C-alpha atoms as a PDB file:
ATOM      1  CA  MET A   1      10.389   0.379  17.547  1.00  0.00           C
ATOM      2  CA  SER A   2       8.713  -2.642  15.994  1.00  0.00           C
ATOM      3  CA  ILE A   3      10.927  -2.268  12.897  1.00  0.00           C
ATOM      4  CA  GLU A   4      14.223  -0.372  12.771  1.00  0.00           C
ATOM      5  CA  VAL A   5      16.076  -0.078   9.383  1.00  0.00           C
ATOM      6  CA  LYS A   6      19.424   1.768   9.331  1.00  0.00           C
ATOM      7  CA  ASN A   7      21.488   2.523   6.226  1.00  0.00           C
ATOM      8  CA  VAL A   8      20.517  -0.736   4.490  1.00  0.00           C
ATOM      9  CA  THR A   9      22.120  -1.508   1.072  1.00  0.00           C
ATOM     10  CA  LYS A  10      21.494  -4.675  -0.902  1.00  0.00           C
ATOM     11  CA  ILE A  11      23.586  -5.475  -3.918  1.00  0.00           C
ATOM     12  CA  TYR A  12      22.844  -8.153  -6.559  1.00  0.00           C
ATOM     13  CA  GLY A  13      26.010  -8.614  -8.616  1.00  0.00           C
ATOM     14  CA  GLU A  14      26.519  -5.148  -9.991  1.00  0.00           C
ATOM     15  CA  GLN A  15      23.018  -3.957  -9.344  1.00  0.00           C
ATOM     16  CA  LYS A  16      22.174  -1.983  -6.203  1.00  0.00           C
ATOM     17  CA  ALA A  17      18.634  -2.849  -5.276  1.00  0.00           C
ATOM     18  CA  LEU A  18      18.652  -0.784  -2.021  1.00  0.00           C
ATOM     19  CA  ASP A  19      20.867   2.173  -1.424  1.00  0.00           C
ATOM     20  CA  GLU A  20      21.485   3.123   2.240  1.00  0.00           C
ATOM     21  CA  ILE A  21      17.761   3.336   3.129  1.00  0.00           C
ATOM     22  CA  SER A  22      16.598   4.052   6.736  1.00  0.00           C
ATOM     23  CA  PHE A  23      13.205   4.096   8.315  1.00  0.00           C
ATOM     24  CA  SER A  24      11.328   2.945  11.428  1.00  0.00           C
ATOM     25  CA  VAL A  25       7.865   1.633  12.154  1.00  0.00           C
ATOM     26  CA  GLU A  26       6.295   2.267  15.622  1.00  0.00           C
ATOM     27  CA  PRO A  27       4.228  -0.371  17.396  1.00  0.00           C
ATOM     28  CA  GLY A  28       0.572  -0.424  16.425  1.00  0.00           C
ATOM     29  CA  ASN A  29       0.931   1.340  13.133  1.00  0.00           C
ATOM     30  CA  ILE A  30      -0.204   0.189   9.673  1.00  0.00           C
ATOM     31  CA  VAL A  31       2.372   1.384   7.214  1.00  0.00           C
ATOM     32  CA  GLY A  32       1.971   1.391   3.481  1.00  0.00           C
ATOM     33  CA  PHE A  33       5.257   0.536   1.561  1.00  0.00           C
ATOM     34  CA  LEU A  34       4.884   1.887  -1.971  1.00  0.00           C
ATOM     35  CA  GLY A  35       7.026   2.126  -5.076  1.00  0.00           C
ATOM     36  CA  PRO A  36       7.066   1.232  -8.806  1.00  0.00           C
ATOM     37  CA  ASN A  37       7.863  -2.306  -9.944  1.00  0.00           C
ATOM     38  CA  GLY A  38      11.557  -3.016  -9.266  1.00  0.00           C
ATOM     39  CA  ALA A  39      11.925  -0.248  -6.687  1.00  0.00           C
ATOM     40  CA  GLY A  40      13.117  -2.608  -3.989  1.00  0.00           C
ATOM     41  CA  LYS A  41       9.979  -3.214  -1.944  1.00  0.00           C
ATOM     42  CA  SER A  42      10.035  -7.018  -1.937  1.00  0.00           C
ATOM     43  CA  THR A  43      13.825  -7.066  -1.321  1.00  0.00           C
ATOM     44  CA  MET A  44      13.370  -4.968   1.800  1.00  0.00           C
ATOM     45  CA  MET A  45      10.526  -7.144   3.015  1.00  0.00           C
ATOM     46  CA  LYS A  46      12.648 -10.274   2.498  1.00  0.00           C
ATOM     47  CA  ILE A  47      15.492  -8.706   4.519  1.00  0.00           C
ATOM     48  CA  ILE A  48      13.120  -7.843   7.373  1.00  0.00           C
ATOM     49  CA  THR A  49      11.790 -11.407   7.434  1.00  0.00           C
ATOM     50  CA  CYS A  50      15.294 -12.922   7.318  1.00  0.00           C
ATOM     51  CA  PHE A  51      14.787 -14.565   3.886  1.00  0.00           C
ATOM     52  CA  ILE A  52      17.873 -12.788   2.487  1.00  0.00           C
ATOM     53  CA  PRO A  53      20.690 -10.777   4.198  1.00  0.00           C
ATOM     54  CA  GLN A  54      21.406  -7.175   3.467  1.00  0.00           C
ATOM     55  CA  SER A  55      24.797  -6.296   1.983  1.00  0.00           C
ATOM     56  CA  SER A  56      25.378  -3.597   4.621  1.00  0.00           C
ATOM     57  CA  GLY A  57      23.489  -1.714   7.311  1.00  0.00           C
ATOM     58  CA  SER A  58      21.309  -3.070  10.078  1.00  0.00           C
ATOM     59  CA  VAL A  59      17.672  -4.205  10.583  1.00  0.00           C
ATOM     60  CA  SER A  60      16.028  -5.112  13.888  1.00  0.00           C
ATOM     61  CA  VAL A  61      12.539  -6.287  14.651  1.00  0.00           C
ATOM     62  CA  CYS A  62      11.188  -5.928  18.177  1.00  0.00           C
ATOM     63  CA  GLY A  63      14.742  -5.283  19.286  1.00  0.00           C
ATOM     64  CA  TYR A  64      16.284  -8.419  17.599  1.00  0.00           C
ATOM     65  CA  ASP A  65      18.813  -8.117  14.821  1.00  0.00           C
ATOM     66  CA  VAL A  66      17.961 -10.049  11.644  1.00  0.00           C
ATOM     67  CA  ILE A  67      21.488 -11.295  11.233  1.00  0.00           C
ATOM     68  CA  GLU A  68      22.445 -12.029  14.811  1.00  0.00           C
ATOM     69  CA  ASN A  69      18.956 -13.337  16.068  1.00  0.00           C
ATOM     70  CA  PRO A  70      17.075 -14.646  13.013  1.00  0.00           C
ATOM     71  CA  ILE A  71      15.128 -17.189  15.059  1.00  0.00           C
ATOM     72  CA  ASP A  72      13.883 -14.543  17.485  1.00  0.00           C
ATOM     73  CA  VAL A  73      12.905 -12.237  14.648  1.00  0.00           C
ATOM     74  CA  LYS A  74      10.855 -15.050  12.990  1.00  0.00           C
ATOM     75  CA  ARG A  75       9.046 -15.703  16.244  1.00  0.00           C
ATOM     76  CA  HIS A  76       7.850 -12.088  16.259  1.00  0.00           C
ATOM     77  CA  VAL A  77       7.114 -11.713  12.496  1.00  0.00           C
ATOM     78  CA  GLY A  78       4.299 -13.016  10.350  1.00  0.00           C
ATOM     79  CA  TYR A  79       4.966 -12.932   6.604  1.00  0.00           C
ATOM     80  CA  LEU A  80       2.575 -13.193   3.621  1.00  0.00           C
ATOM     81  CA  PRO A  81       4.735 -12.991   0.416  1.00  0.00           C
ATOM     82  CA  GLU A  82       3.425 -11.696  -2.912  1.00  0.00           C
ATOM     83  CA  HIS A  83       3.127 -15.249  -4.283  1.00  0.00           C
ATOM     84  CA  ASN A  84       1.190 -16.996  -1.454  1.00  0.00           C
ATOM     85  CA  PRO A  85       3.059 -20.341  -0.982  1.00  0.00           C
ATOM     86  CA  LEU A  86       0.372 -22.742  -0.004  1.00  0.00           C
ATOM     87  CA  TYR A  87       0.101 -26.528  -0.196  1.00  0.00           C
ATOM     88  CA  LEU A  88      -2.863 -26.840  -2.573  1.00  0.00           C
ATOM     89  CA  ASP A  89      -3.464 -30.544  -1.835  1.00  0.00           C
ATOM     90  CA  MET A  90      -3.913 -29.977   1.863  1.00  0.00           C
ATOM     91  CA  TYR A  91      -7.184 -29.116   3.602  1.00  0.00           C
ATOM     92  CA  VAL A  92      -7.487 -25.709   5.251  1.00  0.00           C
ATOM     93  CA  LYS A  93      -7.590 -27.062   8.812  1.00  0.00           C
ATOM     94  CA  GLU A  94      -4.852 -29.599   8.089  1.00  0.00           C
ATOM     95  CA  TYR A  95      -2.554 -26.945   6.615  1.00  0.00           C
ATOM     96  CA  LEU A  96      -2.998 -24.501   9.535  1.00  0.00           C
ATOM     97  CA  ASP A  97      -2.456 -27.315  11.968  1.00  0.00           C
ATOM     98  CA  PHE A  98       0.774 -28.155  10.113  1.00  0.00           C
ATOM     99  CA  VAL A  99       2.007 -24.528  10.226  1.00  0.00           C
ATOM    100  CA  GLY A 100       1.115 -24.418  13.973  1.00  0.00           C
ATOM    101  CA  GLY A 101       3.255 -27.544  14.501  1.00  0.00           C
ATOM    102  CA  VAL A 102       6.183 -25.937  12.699  1.00  0.00           C
ATOM    103  CA  TYR A 103       5.966 -22.992  15.181  1.00  0.00           C
ATOM    104  CA  LYS A 104       5.543 -25.508  18.031  1.00  0.00           C
ATOM    105  CA  ILE A 105       2.565 -23.577  19.503  1.00  0.00           C
ATOM    106  CA  GLY A 106       0.462 -25.095  22.232  1.00  0.00           C
ATOM    107  CA  LYS A 107      -3.247 -25.917  21.988  1.00  0.00           C
ATOM    108  CA  ARG A 108      -3.088 -26.077  18.200  1.00  0.00           C
ATOM    109  CA  LYS A 109      -6.651 -27.126  17.551  1.00  0.00           C
ATOM    110  CA  GLU A 110      -7.943 -24.174  19.578  1.00  0.00           C
ATOM    111  CA  ARG A 111      -5.522 -21.770  17.842  1.00  0.00           C
ATOM    112  CA  VAL A 112      -6.514 -23.134  14.402  1.00  0.00           C
ATOM    113  CA  LYS A 113     -10.164 -22.602  15.161  1.00  0.00           C
ATOM    114  CA  GLU A 114      -9.471 -19.114  16.336  1.00  0.00           C
ATOM    115  CA  MET A 115      -7.592 -18.215  13.213  1.00  0.00           C
ATOM    116  CA  ILE A 116     -10.374 -19.702  11.015  1.00  0.00           C
ATOM    117  CA  ASP A 117     -12.925 -17.575  12.783  1.00  0.00           C
ATOM    118  CA  MET A 118     -10.715 -14.402  12.750  1.00  0.00           C
ATOM    119  CA  VAL A 119     -10.151 -14.444   8.984  1.00  0.00           C
ATOM    120  CA  GLY A 120     -13.617 -15.763   8.025  1.00  0.00           C
ATOM    121  CA  LEU A 121     -12.786 -19.182   6.692  1.00  0.00           C
ATOM    122  CA  GLY A 122     -15.551 -20.985   8.581  1.00  0.00           C
ATOM    123  CA  ILE A 123     -17.605 -22.126   5.528  1.00  0.00           C
ATOM    124  CA  GLU A 124     -14.484 -23.136   3.679  1.00  0.00           C
ATOM    125  CA  GLN A 125     -12.413 -24.861   6.433  1.00  0.00           C
ATOM    126  CA  ASN A 126     -13.083 -28.430   5.228  1.00  0.00           C
ATOM    127  CA  LYS A 127     -12.094 -27.859   1.564  1.00  0.00           C
ATOM    128  CA  LYS A 128      -8.782 -28.381  -0.017  1.00  0.00           C
ATOM    129  CA  ILE A 129      -6.805 -25.146  -0.496  1.00  0.00           C
ATOM    130  CA  GLY A 130      -6.615 -25.827  -4.215  1.00  0.00           C
ATOM    131  CA  ALA A 131     -10.450 -25.586  -4.400  1.00  0.00           C
ATOM    132  CA  LEU A 132     -10.605 -22.145  -2.900  1.00  0.00           C
ATOM    133  CA  SER A 133     -11.030 -18.815  -4.638  1.00  0.00           C
ATOM    134  CA  LYS A 134      -8.105 -16.304  -4.719  1.00  0.00           C
ATOM    135  CA  GLY A 135      -9.780 -14.324  -1.923  1.00  0.00           C
ATOM    136  CA  TYR A 136     -10.084 -17.353   0.333  1.00  0.00           C
ATOM    137  CA  ARG A 137      -6.463 -18.436  -0.361  1.00  0.00           C
ATOM    138  CA  GLN A 138      -5.385 -14.992   0.767  1.00  0.00           C
ATOM    139  CA  ARG A 139      -7.312 -15.547   3.957  1.00  0.00           C
ATOM    140  CA  VAL A 140      -5.484 -18.859   4.492  1.00  0.00           C
ATOM    141  CA  GLY A 141      -2.143 -16.977   3.881  1.00  0.00           C
ATOM    142  CA  LEU A 142      -3.191 -14.356   6.519  1.00  0.00           C
ATOM    143  CA  ALA A 143      -4.074 -17.101   8.938  1.00  0.00           C
ATOM    144  CA  GLN A 144      -0.759 -18.939   8.523  1.00  0.00           C
ATOM    145  CA  ALA A 145       1.111 -15.606   8.977  1.00  0.00           C
ATOM    146  CA  MET A 146      -0.713 -14.971  12.240  1.00  0.00           C
ATOM    147  CA  ILE A 147      -1.090 -18.373  13.800  1.00  0.00           C
ATOM    148  CA  HIS A 148       1.938 -17.914  16.076  1.00  0.00           C
ATOM    149  CA  ASP A 149       0.574 -14.601  17.263  1.00  0.00           C
ATOM    150  CA  PRO A 150       3.433 -12.356  15.951  1.00  0.00           C
ATOM    151  CA  LYS A 151       3.679  -8.712  16.945  1.00  0.00           C
ATOM    152  CA  VAL A 152       4.616  -7.708  13.371  1.00  0.00           C
ATOM    153  CA  LEU A 153       2.916  -8.522  10.048  1.00  0.00           C
ATOM    154  CA  ILE A 154       4.665  -8.140   6.720  1.00  0.00           C
ATOM    155  CA  LEU A 155       2.256  -8.316   3.835  1.00  0.00           C
ATOM    156  CA  ASP A 156       3.542  -8.167   0.269  1.00  0.00           C
ATOM    157  CA  GLU A 157       0.833  -7.250  -2.235  1.00  0.00           C
ATOM    158  CA  PRO A 158      -1.940  -8.995  -0.100  1.00  0.00           C
ATOM    159  CA  THR A 159      -4.777  -7.895  -2.496  1.00  0.00           C
ATOM    160  CA  THR A 160      -3.250  -8.659  -5.875  1.00  0.00           C
ATOM    161  CA  GLY A 161      -5.720 -10.300  -8.235  1.00  0.00           C
ATOM    162  CA  LEU A 162      -8.774  -9.910  -6.004  1.00  0.00           C
ATOM    163  CA  ASP A 163     -12.112  -8.728  -7.327  1.00  0.00           C
ATOM    164  CA  PRO A 164     -13.659  -5.576  -5.802  1.00  0.00           C
ATOM    165  CA  ASN A 165     -15.648  -7.568  -3.192  1.00  0.00           C
ATOM    166  CA  GLN A 166     -12.763  -9.706  -2.167  1.00  0.00           C
ATOM    167  CA  LEU A 167     -10.517  -6.608  -1.947  1.00  0.00           C
ATOM    168  CA  GLU A 168     -12.941  -4.863   0.391  1.00  0.00           C
ATOM    169  CA  GLU A 169     -13.103  -7.964   2.572  1.00  0.00           C
ATOM    170  CA  ILE A 170      -9.403  -8.371   2.902  1.00  0.00           C
ATOM    171  CA  ARG A 171      -8.913  -4.536   3.404  1.00  0.00           C
ATOM    172  CA  ASN A 172     -11.274  -4.616   6.367  1.00  0.00           C
ATOM    173  CA  LEU A 173      -9.614  -7.694   7.718  1.00  0.00           C
ATOM    174  CA  ILE A 174      -6.235  -6.028   7.692  1.00  0.00           C
ATOM    175  CA  LYS A 175      -7.604  -2.863   9.261  1.00  0.00           C
ATOM    176  CA  ASN A 176      -9.083  -4.882  12.085  1.00  0.00           C
ATOM    177  CA  ILE A 177      -5.843  -6.846  12.661  1.00  0.00           C
ATOM    178  CA  GLY A 178      -3.961  -3.574  12.710  1.00  0.00           C
ATOM    179  CA  LYS A 179      -5.658  -2.557  15.931  1.00  0.00           C
ATOM    180  CA  GLU A 180      -3.584  -5.076  17.773  1.00  0.00           C
ATOM    181  CA  LYS A 181      -0.475  -5.603  15.614  1.00  0.00           C
ATOM    182  CA  THR A 182       2.150  -3.587  13.681  1.00  0.00           C
ATOM    183  CA  ILE A 183       1.535  -4.098   9.909  1.00  0.00           C
ATOM    184  CA  MET A 184       3.796  -3.182   6.926  1.00  0.00           C
ATOM    185  CA  LEU A 185       2.141  -3.821   3.637  1.00  0.00           C
ATOM    186  CA  SER A 186       3.215  -3.354   0.019  1.00  0.00           C
ATOM    187  CA  THR A 187       0.586  -2.500  -2.513  1.00  0.00           C
ATOM    188  CA  HIS A 188      -0.004  -0.659  -5.802  1.00  0.00           C
ATOM    189  CA  ILE A 189      -3.528   0.378  -4.872  1.00  0.00           C
ATOM    190  CA  MET A 190      -3.374   3.905  -3.561  1.00  0.00           C
ATOM    191  CA  GLN A 191      -6.935   3.938  -2.276  1.00  0.00           C
ATOM    192  CA  GLU A 192      -6.025   0.992  -0.060  1.00  0.00           C
ATOM    193  CA  VAL A 193      -3.225   2.996   1.551  1.00  0.00           C
ATOM    194  CA  GLU A 194      -5.467   6.058   1.966  1.00  0.00           C
ATOM    195  CA  ALA A 195      -8.101   3.869   3.594  1.00  0.00           C
ATOM    196  CA  ILE A 196      -6.126   1.963   6.137  1.00  0.00           C
ATOM    197  CA  CYS A 197      -2.509   3.168   6.488  1.00  0.00           C
ATOM    198  CA  ASP A 198      -1.336   5.509   9.252  1.00  0.00           C
ATOM    199  CA  LYS A 199       1.995   6.142   7.592  1.00  0.00           C
ATOM    200  CA  THR A 200       3.288   5.861   4.060  1.00  0.00           C
ATOM    201  CA  ILE A 201       6.833   5.089   2.862  1.00  0.00           C
ATOM    202  CA  ILE A 202       7.578   5.559  -0.794  1.00  0.00           C
ATOM    203  CA  ILE A 203      10.664   3.964  -2.347  1.00  0.00           C
ATOM    204  CA  ASN A 204      12.038   4.707  -5.819  1.00  0.00           C
ATOM    205  CA  ARG A 205      15.102   3.101  -7.430  1.00  0.00           C
ATOM    206  CA  GLY A 206      16.227   1.735  -4.063  1.00  0.00           C
ATOM    207  CA  THR A 207      15.997   4.988  -2.089  1.00  0.00           C
ATOM    208  CA  ILE A 208      13.345   6.473   0.163  1.00  0.00           C
ATOM    209  CA  VAL A 209      11.745   9.435  -1.403  1.00  0.00           C
ATOM    210  CA  ALA A 210       8.885  10.008   1.093  1.00  0.00           C
ATOM    211  CA  ASN A 211       8.350   8.947   4.685  1.00  0.00           C
ATOM    212  CA  ASP A 212       5.493  10.534   6.681  1.00  0.00           C
ATOM    213  CA  LYS A 213       1.932  10.206   7.905  1.00  0.00           C
ATOM    214  CA  THR A 214      -0.362   9.458   5.073  1.00  0.00           C
ATOM    215  CA  GLU A 215      -2.517  12.545   5.575  1.00  0.00           C
ATOM    216  CA  LYS A 216       0.635  14.836   5.680  1.00  0.00           C
ATOM    217  CA  LEU A 217       1.748  13.435   2.296  1.00  0.00           C
ATOM    218  CA  GLN A 218      -1.716  14.107   0.777  1.00  0.00           C
ATOM    219  CA  ALA A 219      -1.576  17.593   2.232  1.00  0.00           C
ATOM    220  CA  GLN A 220       1.523  18.367   0.149  1.00  0.00           C
ATOM    221  CA  GLN A 221      -0.619  18.623  -2.892  1.00  0.00           C
ATOM    222  CA  LYS A 222      -3.112  21.157  -1.396  1.00  0.00           C
ATOM    223  CA  ASP A 223      -1.283  24.080  -2.913  1.00  0.00           C
ATOM    224  CA  GLN A 224      -2.131  22.734  -6.360  1.00  0.00           C
ATOM    225  CA  ILE A 225      -5.775  23.364  -7.322  1.00  0.00           C
ATOM    226  CA  VAL A 226      -7.121  21.485 -10.323  1.00  0.00           C
ATOM    227  CA  LEU A 227     -10.547  22.124 -11.933  1.00  0.00           C
ATOM    228  CA  THR A 228     -12.337  19.982 -14.453  1.00  0.00           C
ATOM    229  CA  VAL A 229     -14.517  22.238 -16.658  1.00  0.00           C
ATOM    230  CA  GLU A 230     -16.897  21.270 -19.321  1.00  0.00           C
ATOM    231  CA  PHE A 231     -18.051  23.842 -21.843  1.00  0.00           C
ATOM    232  CA  ASP A 232     -20.997  23.497 -24.328  1.00  0.00           C
ATOM    233  CA  LYS A 233     -18.819  24.105 -27.367  1.00  0.00           C
ATOM    234  CA  GLN A 234     -15.187  24.144 -28.641  1.00  0.00           C
ATOM    235  CA  VAL A 235     -12.889  26.729 -27.107  1.00  0.00           C
ATOM    236  CA  ASP A 236      -9.410  27.956 -27.976  1.00  0.00           C
ATOM    237  CA  THR A 237      -6.635  26.691 -25.676  1.00  0.00           C
ATOM    238  CA  LYS A 238      -4.561  29.855 -26.089  1.00  0.00           C
ATOM    239  CA  GLU A 239      -7.591  31.937 -24.957  1.00  0.00           C
ATOM    240  CA  LEU A 240      -8.080  29.776 -21.887  1.00  0.00           C
ATOM    241  CA  GLN A 241      -4.466  30.098 -21.027  1.00  0.00           C
ATOM    242  CA  LYS A 242      -4.804  33.925 -21.012  1.00  0.00           C
ATOM    243  CA  ILE A 243      -7.459  33.839 -18.133  1.00  0.00           C
ATOM    244  CA  ASP A 244      -6.038  35.625 -15.118  1.00  0.00           C
ATOM    245  CA  GLY A 245      -4.756  33.054 -12.497  1.00  0.00           C
ATOM    246  CA  VAL A 246      -4.647  30.075 -14.859  1.00  0.00           C
ATOM    247  CA  ILE A 247      -1.273  28.331 -14.436  1.00  0.00           C
ATOM    248  CA  GLN A 248      -1.764  25.638 -16.982  1.00  0.00           C
ATOM    249  CA  VAL A 249      -4.685  24.185 -19.056  1.00  0.00           C
ATOM    250  CA  LYS A 250      -5.021  21.121 -21.240  1.00  0.00           C
ATOM    251  CA  ASN A 251      -7.821  19.400 -23.029  1.00  0.00           C
ATOM    252  CA  SER A 252      -9.115  16.204 -21.385  1.00  0.00           C
ATOM    253  CA  ILE A 253     -11.766  15.003 -23.858  1.00  0.00           C
ATOM    254  CA  ASN A 254     -14.061  16.775 -26.278  1.00  0.00           C
ATOM    255  CA  ASN A 255     -15.126  20.002 -24.606  1.00  0.00           C
ATOM    256  CA  THR A 256     -13.771  19.148 -21.172  1.00  0.00           C
ATOM    257  CA  TRP A 257     -10.601  20.865 -19.834  1.00  0.00           C
ATOM    258  CA  LEU A 258      -8.269  20.504 -16.908  1.00  0.00           C
ATOM    259  CA  PHE A 259      -7.246  23.811 -15.298  1.00  0.00           C
ATOM    260  CA  GLU A 260      -4.431  24.215 -12.840  1.00  0.00           C
ATOM    261  CA  ILE A 261      -5.214  27.466 -11.097  1.00  0.00           C
ATOM    262  CA  ALA A 262      -3.513  29.690  -8.541  1.00  0.00           C
ATOM    263  CA  ASN A 263      -6.421  29.944  -6.120  1.00  0.00           C
ATOM    264  CA  ASP A 264     -10.199  29.410  -5.847  1.00  0.00           C
ATOM    265  CA  ALA A 265     -10.964  32.980  -7.015  1.00  0.00           C
ATOM    266  CA  VAL A 266      -9.907  32.030 -10.493  1.00  0.00           C
ATOM    267  CA  ARG A 267     -13.177  30.098 -10.855  1.00  0.00           C
ATOM    268  CA  ASN A 268     -15.023  33.350 -11.205  1.00  0.00           C
ATOM    269  CA  ASN A 269     -12.524  34.459 -13.929  1.00  0.00           C
ATOM    270  CA  ILE A 270     -13.373  31.387 -15.830  1.00  0.00           C
ATOM    271  CA  PHE A 271     -17.084  32.062 -15.603  1.00  0.00           C
ATOM    272  CA  GLN A 272     -16.484  35.701 -16.716  1.00  0.00           C
ATOM    273  CA  TYR A 273     -14.561  34.501 -19.762  1.00  0.00           C
ATOM    274  CA  ALA A 274     -17.379  32.096 -20.676  1.00  0.00           C
ATOM    275  CA  MET A 275     -19.994  34.877 -20.404  1.00  0.00           C
ATOM    276  CA  GLN A 276     -17.897  37.168 -22.630  1.00  0.00           C
ATOM    277  CA  LYS A 277     -17.540  34.506 -25.286  1.00  0.00           C
ATOM    278  CA  GLU A 278     -21.208  33.424 -24.913  1.00  0.00           C
ATOM    279  CA  ILE A 279     -20.083  29.927 -23.887  1.00  0.00           C
ATOM    280  CA  VAL A 280     -22.073  27.868 -21.306  1.00  0.00           C
ATOM    281  CA  VAL A 281     -20.145  26.201 -18.440  1.00  0.00           C
ATOM    282  CA  LEU A 282     -21.897  22.866 -18.129  1.00  0.00           C
ATOM    283  CA  THR A 283     -19.830  21.500 -15.186  1.00  0.00           C
ATOM    284  CA  MET A 284     -16.947  22.801 -12.982  1.00  0.00           C
ATOM    285  CA  GLN A 285     -15.558  20.371 -10.399  1.00  0.00           C
ATOM    286  CA  LYS A 286     -12.565  20.715  -8.128  1.00  0.00           C
ATOM    287  CA  GLU A 287     -10.341  17.614  -8.255  1.00  0.00           C
ATOM    288  CA  THR A 288      -9.407  16.020  -4.970  1.00  0.00           C
ATOM    289  CA  GLN A 289      -5.587  15.678  -4.694  1.00  0.00           C
ATOM    290  CA  SER A 290      -4.816  12.100  -3.738  1.00  0.00           C
ATOM    291  CA  LEU A 291      -1.977  10.028  -2.603  1.00  0.00           C
ATOM    292  CA  GLU A 292      -1.637   8.896  -6.223  1.00  0.00           C
ATOM    293  CA  SER A 293      -0.642  12.475  -7.220  1.00  0.00           C
ATOM    294  CA  VAL A 294       2.165  12.395  -4.606  1.00  0.00           C
ATOM    295  CA  PHE A 295       3.344   8.919  -5.828  1.00  0.00           C
ATOM    296  CA  LYS A 296       3.412   9.993  -9.486  1.00  0.00           C
ATOM    297  CA  LYS A 297       5.306  13.213  -8.637  1.00  0.00           C
ATOM    298  CA  LEU A 298       7.930  11.430  -6.605  1.00  0.00           C
ATOM    299  CA  THR A 299       8.468   8.418  -8.781  1.00  0.00           C
ATOM    300  CA  THR A 300       8.246   9.739 -12.294  1.00  0.00           C
END
């Protein structure tokens, strides 16, 4: 396994941030690590990257224990923390050369150029980091995390604060990098996980509440069918609730209603009701159940 976490607990004073959590990440996977604010995501990532020790349990990366072999772990891990710690007064090439020197990598100039090309920093490589946009600073952060060619990348909120164009660029970059490396990323953007993650782990209040392939977690919601229906006039909620097969109904806005139904056949019952009441159904749309639905269900 690229990452192996067994019964890890982390206690700050009297607060238990992590409560005996266990999971593993296989080589070549992109894993989304999700959870509400304060759930323990960043704490777990700091333990994996040897920034802080766990209170109990064990963590290994590429076979190396984070307590017994921290130097070996750091050789195999690239880390981009949530608050990207860059030297703003340094130039892009100068900074990456400096980081390469810290890792004592050979042929640094060639490696720096390779990283600049890989993350798309070519047109910005001669600027000071402080003069870069948030999107390009994130690219610099990714470059420094990968310059020593680690097998595992830990990315904590890599797309926070990016505009839609920058977000798409960084998302595609991570997806391409994931073809060769194991990536564990924390994010609040569910669409991001759905788009690029093979597996999803959801943590809530320091415990793992879901750990499976992303598509399997989404499939958990398939037994719940939700329709958005717009009528041409006001209707009575109690009357809608009486329609055969309707589990629950609530008003969304104006004459638009959200129906939770037992099966697809209930659509016809809704149309029949509308005809009897001389009401026109303007739109009827089946809502796609997303990873966000699973997240809300497990963390609320």
